[in-house]
Amino acid sequence: MIERLFKLSENKTTVRTEILAGVTTFLTMAYIIFVQPAVVSGKMFGTAAAL
């Protein structure tokens, strides 16, 4: 069903590859949303942000 819906073989990919790509994307976005603001603000290292 998933094969027909997304035409995976036509696009030369597999369900496993697509799931791994989705998990990787999710983890990357979670890092950007939760960690980067602390780094940019300087709170992560105990220093004020340079403006």
N, C-alpha and C. Protein backbone atom coordinates (compact mmCIF):
# COMPACT_ATOMS: atom_id res chain seq x y z
N MET A 1 0.83 -1.19 0.00
CA MET A 1 0.00 0.00 0.00
C MET A 1 0.88 1.26 0.00
N ILE A 2 1.86 1.31 0.89
CA ILE A 2 2.74 2.47 0.97
C ILE A 2 3.55 2.59 -0.32
N GLU A 3 3.98 1.45 -0.85
CA GLU A 3 4.73 1.43 -2.11
C GLU A 3 3.93 2.09 -3.23
N ARG A 4 2.67 1.71 -3.35
CA ARG A 4 1.83 2.27 -4.42
C ARG A 4 1.52 3.74 -4.18
N LEU A 5 1.29 4.10 -2.92
CA LEU A 5 0.92 5.48 -2.60
C LEU A 5 2.05 6.46 -2.91
N PHE A 6 3.27 6.10 -2.52
CA PHE A 6 4.40 7.00 -2.69
C PHE A 6 5.33 6.65 -3.85
N LYS A 7 5.03 5.54 -4.55
CA LYS A 7 5.83 5.10 -5.71
C LYS A 7 7.32 5.02 -5.33
N LEU A 8 7.59 4.26 -4.29
CA LEU A 8 8.95 4.19 -3.75
C LEU A 8 9.94 3.58 -4.73
N SER A 9 9.59 2.48 -5.36
CA SER A 9 10.53 1.85 -6.29
C SER A 9 10.79 2.74 -7.51
N GLU A 10 9.78 3.48 -7.91
CA GLU A 10 9.95 4.41 -9.04
C GLU A 10 10.95 5.51 -8.67
N ASN A 11 10.96 5.88 -7.40
CA ASN A 11 11.89 6.91 -6.92
C ASN A 11 13.17 6.32 -6.34
N LYS A 12 13.34 5.01 -6.52
CA LYS A 12 14.55 4.29 -6.10
C LYS A 12 14.86 4.47 -4.61
N THR A 13 13.86 4.21 -3.77
CA THR A 13 14.02 4.30 -2.33
C THR A 13 13.24 3.17 -1.67
N THR A 14 13.36 3.05 -0.35
CA THR A 14 12.64 2.01 0.39
C THR A 14 11.94 2.65 1.58
N VAL A 15 11.03 1.88 2.19
CA VAL A 15 10.33 2.36 3.38
C VAL A 15 11.34 2.64 4.48
N ARG A 16 12.32 1.76 4.66
CA ARG A 16 13.35 1.93 5.70
C ARG A 16 14.10 3.24 5.51
N THR A 17 14.50 3.53 4.28
CA THR A 17 15.24 4.76 3.99
C THR A 17 14.40 5.99 4.32
N GLU A 18 13.14 5.95 3.96
CA GLU A 18 12.25 7.09 4.20
C GLU A 18 11.98 7.30 5.68
N ILE A 19 11.84 6.22 6.43
CA ILE A 19 11.64 6.33 7.88
C ILE A 19 12.89 6.91 8.53
N LEU A 20 14.06 6.43 8.14
CA LEU A 20 15.31 6.94 8.67
C LEU A 20 15.47 8.43 8.34
N ALA A 21 15.12 8.82 7.15
CA ALA A 21 15.19 10.23 6.76
C ALA A 21 14.24 11.08 7.60
N GLY A 22 13.06 10.57 7.86
CA GLY A 22 12.09 11.29 8.69
C GLY A 22 12.56 11.46 10.12
N VAL A 23 13.14 10.41 10.69
CA VAL A 23 13.66 10.49 12.06
C VAL A 23 14.83 11.47 12.13
N THR A 24 15.70 11.43 11.14
CA THR A 24 16.84 12.35 11.09
C THR A 24 16.36 13.79 11.01
N THR A 25 15.39 14.05 10.17
CA THR A 25 14.85 15.39 10.03
C THR A 25 14.21 15.85 11.33
N PHE A 26 13.45 14.97 11.99
CA PHE A 26 12.81 15.32 13.25
C PHE A 26 13.84 15.68 14.31
N LEU A 27 14.88 14.88 14.45
CA LEU A 27 15.90 15.15 15.46
C LEU A 27 16.65 16.45 15.17
N THR A 28 16.90 16.73 13.89
CA THR A 28 17.57 17.97 13.51
C THR A 28 16.70 19.18 13.87
N MET A 29 15.42 19.11 13.58
CA MET A 29 14.51 20.21 13.90
C MET A 29 14.38 20.39 15.40
N ALA A 30 14.33 19.30 16.15
CA ALA A 30 14.24 19.38 17.61
C ALA A 30 15.48 20.08 18.17
N TYR A 31 16.65 19.76 17.65
CA TYR A 31 17.89 20.41 18.08
C TYR A 31 17.82 21.91 17.79
N ILE A 32 17.42 22.26 16.60
CA ILE A 32 17.37 23.68 16.22
C ILE A 32 16.39 24.44 17.10
N ILE A 33 15.24 23.86 17.37
CA ILE A 33 14.20 24.56 18.14
C ILE A 33 14.58 24.70 19.61
N PHE A 34 15.19 23.67 20.21
CA PHE A 34 15.41 23.69 21.65
C PHE A 34 16.82 24.07 22.09
N VAL A 35 17.84 23.78 21.32
CA VAL A 35 19.21 24.04 21.75
C VAL A 35 19.73 25.36 21.21
N GLN A 36 19.50 25.65 19.97
CA GLN A 36 20.06 26.85 19.36
C GLN A 36 19.68 28.15 20.06
N PRO A 37 18.45 28.36 20.50
CA PRO A 37 18.15 29.62 21.20
C PRO A 37 19.02 29.84 22.44
N ALA A 38 19.33 28.76 23.17
CA ALA A 38 20.20 28.89 24.34
C ALA A 38 21.62 29.24 23.92
N VAL A 39 22.09 28.70 22.83
CA VAL A 39 23.44 29.00 22.36
C VAL A 39 23.51 30.45 21.89
N VAL A 40 22.55 30.87 21.11
CA VAL A 40 22.55 32.22 20.55
C VAL A 40 22.40 33.28 21.65
N SER A 41 21.60 33.00 22.67
CA SER A 41 21.39 33.98 23.74
C SER A 41 22.59 34.07 24.68
N GLY A 42 23.44 33.05 24.69
CA GLY A 42 24.60 33.05 25.56
C GLY A 42 24.33 32.37 26.89
N LYS A 43 23.10 32.00 27.17
CA LYS A 43 22.74 31.38 28.45
C LYS A 43 23.39 30.01 28.63
N MET A 44 23.70 29.36 27.53
CA MET A 44 24.27 28.03 27.63
C MET A 44 25.69 28.08 28.21
N PHE A 45 26.39 29.15 27.95
CA PHE A 45 27.78 29.27 28.41
C PHE A 45 27.95 30.32 29.50
N GLY A 46 26.85 30.89 29.96
CA GLY A 46 26.92 31.86 31.05
C GLY A 46 27.46 33.22 30.65
N THR A 47 27.35 33.57 29.40
CA THR A 47 27.81 34.89 28.94
C THR A 47 26.66 35.60 28.25
N ALA A 48 26.77 36.91 28.21
CA ALA A 48 25.76 37.70 27.53
C ALA A 48 25.97 37.62 26.01
N ALA A 49 24.90 37.77 25.29
CA ALA A 49 24.99 37.73 23.84
C ALA A 49 25.60 39.03 23.33
N ALA A 50 26.50 38.93 22.38
CA ALA A 50 27.11 40.11 21.76
C ALA A 50 26.21 40.62 20.66
N LEU A 51 25.81 41.84 20.78
CA LEU A 51 24.92 42.41 19.76
C LEU A 51 25.63 43.36 18.88
